[in-house]
Amino acid sequence: MFKRIGNFLMQHNKSIAECFDLIDTNQSETIAIEDLQRALIRFQLGLSDKHLKMFMGRLQTAGKPYITKCEFLHRFWAAYTYEEDHAAEG
């Protein structure tokens, strides 16, 4: 899932920070699940609601219905590299 999104970013020459900015259309410096749902539809990645919830769950802090830009950058990169490392092992 993170690899698919990472590949999308590379294909469109976007950084993780630029990805956050594309999702955060109201420039609140936070992303709610609804923001993410709208963005993934726009990006046409074909992720299911289940994948969307898993994605957001990996990024956000428990109990918060949103994620900050700093959290997004750090956690996205950690999850992306984790998937990359485990894909190389398999």
Protein backbone atom coordinates (compact mmCIF):
# COMPACT_ATOMS: atom_id res chain seq x y z
CA MET A 1 0.00 0.00 0.00
CA PHE A 2 2.74 2.49 0.94
CA LYS A 3 4.81 1.23 -1.98
CA ARG A 4 1.90 1.86 -4.37
CA ILE A 5 1.56 5.42 -3.10
CA GLY A 6 5.34 5.90 -3.17
CA ASN A 7 5.42 4.72 -6.79
CA PHE A 8 2.64 7.18 -7.63
CA LEU A 9 4.71 9.99 -6.09
CA MET A 10 7.82 9.00 -8.03
CA GLN A 11 5.88 8.77 -11.31
CA HIS A 12 4.54 12.28 -10.74
CA ASN A 13 7.86 13.64 -9.44
CA LYS A 14 6.38 14.52 -6.03
CA SER A 15 7.94 14.36 -2.59
CA ILE A 16 6.16 13.06 0.51
CA ALA A 17 5.76 16.67 1.67
CA GLU A 18 4.17 17.59 -1.66
CA CYS A 19 1.87 14.60 -1.29
CA PHE A 20 0.74 15.90 2.09
CA ASP A 21 0.08 19.32 0.56
CA LEU A 22 -1.98 17.74 -2.24
CA ILE A 23 -4.10 15.95 0.36
CA ASP A 24 -4.39 18.93 2.73
CA THR A 25 -6.54 21.00 0.39
CA ASN A 26 -7.74 23.37 3.14
CA GLN A 27 -4.13 24.03 4.23
CA SER A 28 -4.88 23.16 7.87
CA GLU A 29 -1.52 21.34 8.24
CA THR A 30 -3.51 18.23 9.23
CA ILE A 31 -5.14 15.43 7.28
CA ALA A 32 -8.37 13.79 8.37
CA ILE A 33 -9.57 10.46 7.04
CA GLU A 34 -12.02 12.30 4.79
CA ASP A 35 -9.18 14.33 3.26
CA LEU A 36 -7.29 11.14 2.58
CA GLN A 37 -10.32 9.43 1.03
CA ARG A 38 -10.86 12.33 -1.37
CA ALA A 39 -7.19 12.41 -2.31
CA LEU A 40 -6.94 8.70 -3.00
CA ILE A 41 -9.94 8.96 -5.29
CA ARG A 42 -8.24 11.88 -7.09
CA PHE A 43 -4.98 9.93 -7.33
CA GLN A 44 -6.88 6.93 -8.79
CA LEU A 45 -4.87 4.37 -6.83
CA GLY A 46 -7.72 1.91 -6.49
CA LEU A 47 -7.34 1.41 -2.74
CA SER A 48 -10.32 -0.03 -0.90
CA ASP A 49 -11.86 1.54 2.20
CA LYS A 50 -10.16 -1.22 4.20
CA HIS A 51 -6.76 -0.25 2.78
CA LEU A 52 -7.50 3.40 3.38
CA LYS A 53 -8.28 2.74 7.04
CA MET A 54 -5.15 0.60 7.41
CA PHE A 55 -3.09 3.36 5.77
CA MET A 56 -4.50 6.04 8.06
CA GLY A 57 -4.14 3.74 11.07
CA ARG A 58 -0.43 3.28 10.36
CA LEU A 59 0.02 7.04 10.12
CA GLN A 60 -2.09 8.59 12.86
CA THR A 61 -1.65 8.66 16.62
CA ALA A 62 -4.21 6.61 18.55
CA GLY A 63 -7.20 8.67 19.58
CA LYS A 64 -6.62 11.48 17.08
CA PRO A 65 -8.90 11.66 14.01
CA TYR A 66 -6.19 13.45 12.03
CA ILE A 67 -2.46 13.43 11.37
CA THR A 68 -0.10 16.41 11.31
CA LYS A 69 2.34 17.09 8.49
CA CYS A 70 5.35 16.19 10.65
CA GLU A 71 3.74 12.90 11.71
CA PHE A 72 2.78 12.13 8.11
CA LEU A 73 6.30 12.71 6.78
CA HIS A 74 7.97 10.64 9.48
CA ARG A 75 5.50 7.76 9.57
CA PHE A 76 4.99 7.53 5.81
CA TRP A 77 8.73 7.24 5.23
CA ALA A 78 9.11 4.66 8.03
CA ALA A 79 6.24 2.53 6.65
CA TYR A 80 7.42 2.89 3.05
CA THR A 81 10.96 1.78 3.85
CA TYR A 82 9.61 -1.05 6.03
CA GLU A 83 7.58 -2.36 3.07
CA GLU A 84 10.58 -1.91 0.78
CA ASP A 85 12.87 -3.88 3.13
CA HIS A 86 10.37 -6.70 3.55
CA ALA A 87 9.68 -6.93 -0.18
CA ALA A 88 13.41 -7.43 -0.75
CA GLU A 89 13.44 -10.26 1.82
CA GLY A 90 10.56 -12.14 0.19
